[in-house]
Amino acid sequence: MVSDARSLYREAFEHFASGRDDQAIEGYRRALEVDPEFALAWNGLSMVYRRKGDLDAAIEAAQKLVELAPDDPLSHTNLSIVLMSKGLIPEAEDAKARAMQLQAQQEN
């Protein structure tokens, strides 16, 4: 039985990549039970929920990702994409602007 969060994440990602969304969600959730602050699992959960059309759950996971990785431009980019998918354009633009600001800071 796989028990560490990283292994559970990899297993969930394989499901996600193969289009097995329900199994991916279950896997990401199991990884988060082991390590609730595992940012990659929150990212994966957000992406799979977005693909399934559960935008509220996708936004919730993306916001948790931003909370855990506030200085990572990709976390804000992910949040922007999910917010845009839900039609929350001003909020999506704010998240995109934050991602761009962080990216510029990292390049300097």
Protein backbone atom coordinates (compact mmCIF):
# COMPACT_ATOMS: atom_id res chain seq x y z
CA MET A 1 0.00 0.00 0.00
CA VAL A 2 1.29 3.40 -0.97
CA SER A 3 1.43 5.61 2.09
CA ASP A 4 3.60 8.66 1.51
CA ALA A 5 2.10 11.79 0.00
CA ARG A 6 4.52 12.02 -2.93
CA SER A 7 3.84 8.45 -4.05
CA LEU A 8 0.11 8.99 -3.71
CA TYR A 9 0.45 12.19 -5.74
CA ARG A 10 2.33 10.39 -8.53
CA GLU A 11 -0.34 7.70 -8.64
CA ALA A 12 -3.08 10.35 -8.79
CA PHE A 13 -1.24 12.20 -11.54
CA GLU A 14 -1.09 9.01 -13.62
CA HIS A 15 -4.87 8.73 -13.29
CA PHE A 16 -5.24 12.40 -14.24
CA ALA A 17 -2.99 12.03 -17.29
CA SER A 18 -5.02 9.00 -18.40
CA GLY A 19 -8.34 10.83 -18.04
CA ARG A 20 -9.47 8.87 -14.98
CA ASP A 21 -10.67 11.95 -13.14
CA ASP A 22 -12.56 10.29 -10.28
CA GLN A 23 -9.55 8.12 -9.44
CA ALA A 24 -7.29 11.18 -9.69
CA ILE A 25 -9.48 13.11 -7.25
CA GLU A 26 -9.44 10.18 -4.85
CA GLY A 27 -5.65 9.94 -5.14
CA TYR A 28 -5.03 13.63 -4.61
CA ARG A 29 -7.36 13.57 -1.59
CA ARG A 30 -5.44 10.59 -0.14
CA ALA A 31 -2.16 12.45 -0.63
CA LEU A 32 -3.63 15.45 1.18
CA GLU A 33 -4.78 13.27 4.06
CA VAL A 34 -1.13 12.31 4.55
CA ASP A 35 0.17 15.86 4.03
CA PRO A 36 -2.48 18.62 4.00
CA GLU A 37 0.16 21.17 2.97
CA PHE A 38 1.39 19.30 -0.12
CA ALA A 39 1.02 22.09 -2.68
CA LEU A 40 1.41 19.88 -5.76
CA ALA A 41 -1.58 17.81 -4.69
CA TRP A 42 -3.71 20.96 -4.30
CA ASN A 43 -2.61 22.00 -7.79
CA GLY A 44 -3.55 18.63 -9.23
CA LEU A 45 -6.87 18.64 -7.42
CA SER A 46 -7.65 22.07 -8.82
CA MET A 47 -6.81 20.99 -12.37
CA VAL A 48 -8.89 17.81 -12.25
CA TYR A 49 -11.89 19.58 -10.75
CA ARG A 50 -11.66 22.24 -13.48
CA ARG A 51 -11.56 19.58 -16.16
CA LYS A 52 -14.62 17.90 -14.62
CA GLY A 53 -16.46 21.24 -14.56
CA ASP A 54 -16.66 21.52 -10.76
CA LEU A 55 -15.38 25.08 -10.77
CA ASP A 56 -16.25 25.87 -7.16
CA ALA A 57 -14.14 22.93 -5.95
CA ALA A 58 -11.40 23.92 -8.42
CA ILE A 59 -11.35 27.48 -7.07
CA GLU A 60 -11.24 26.24 -3.48
CA ALA A 61 -8.25 23.99 -4.25
CA ALA A 62 -6.51 26.77 -6.21
CA GLN A 63 -6.98 29.20 -3.33
CA LYS A 64 -5.47 26.66 -0.94
CA LEU A 65 -2.53 26.31 -3.35
CA VAL A 66 -2.01 30.09 -3.33
CA GLU A 67 -2.21 30.08 0.47
CA LEU A 68 0.51 27.41 0.64
CA ALA A 69 2.71 28.82 -2.15
CA PRO A 70 2.05 32.58 -2.18
CA ASP A 71 5.36 33.39 -3.87
CA ASP A 72 4.96 30.88 -6.71
CA PRO A 73 3.75 32.54 -9.92
CA LEU A 74 2.28 29.26 -11.14
CA SER A 75 -0.08 29.04 -8.17
CA HIS A 76 -1.53 32.43 -9.06
CA THR A 77 -1.66 31.48 -12.76
CA ASN A 78 -3.64 28.37 -11.90
CA LEU A 79 -6.05 30.42 -9.78
CA SER A 80 -6.44 32.90 -12.65
CA ILE A 81 -7.31 30.14 -15.13
CA VAL A 82 -9.90 28.61 -12.81
CA LEU A 83 -11.47 31.97 -12.02
CA MET A 84 -11.62 32.78 -15.74
CA SER A 85 -13.31 29.44 -16.40
CA LYS A 86 -16.01 30.43 -13.91
CA GLY A 87 -16.43 33.84 -15.56
CA LEU A 88 -14.93 35.79 -12.66
CA ILE A 89 -12.90 37.99 -14.96
CA PRO A 90 -11.84 40.83 -12.60
CA GLU A 91 -10.68 38.29 -10.01
CA ALA A 92 -8.90 36.29 -12.71
CA GLU A 93 -7.13 39.43 -13.94
CA ASP A 94 -6.00 40.21 -10.38
CA ALA A 95 -4.55 36.72 -9.98
CA LYS A 96 -2.84 36.97 -13.37
CA ALA A 97 -1.35 40.35 -12.46
CA ARG A 98 0.02 38.89 -9.22
CA ALA A 99 1.54 35.97 -11.14
CA MET A 100 3.21 38.37 -13.56
CA GLN A 101 4.51 40.53 -10.72
CA LEU A 102 6.03 37.51 -8.98
CA GLN A 103 7.54 36.25 -12.22
CA ALA A 104 9.17 39.65 -12.85
CA GLN A 105 10.57 39.69 -9.31
CA GLN A 106 12.07 36.24 -9.78
CA GLU A 107 13.71 37.27 -13.05
CA ASN A 108 15.46 40.23 -11.39
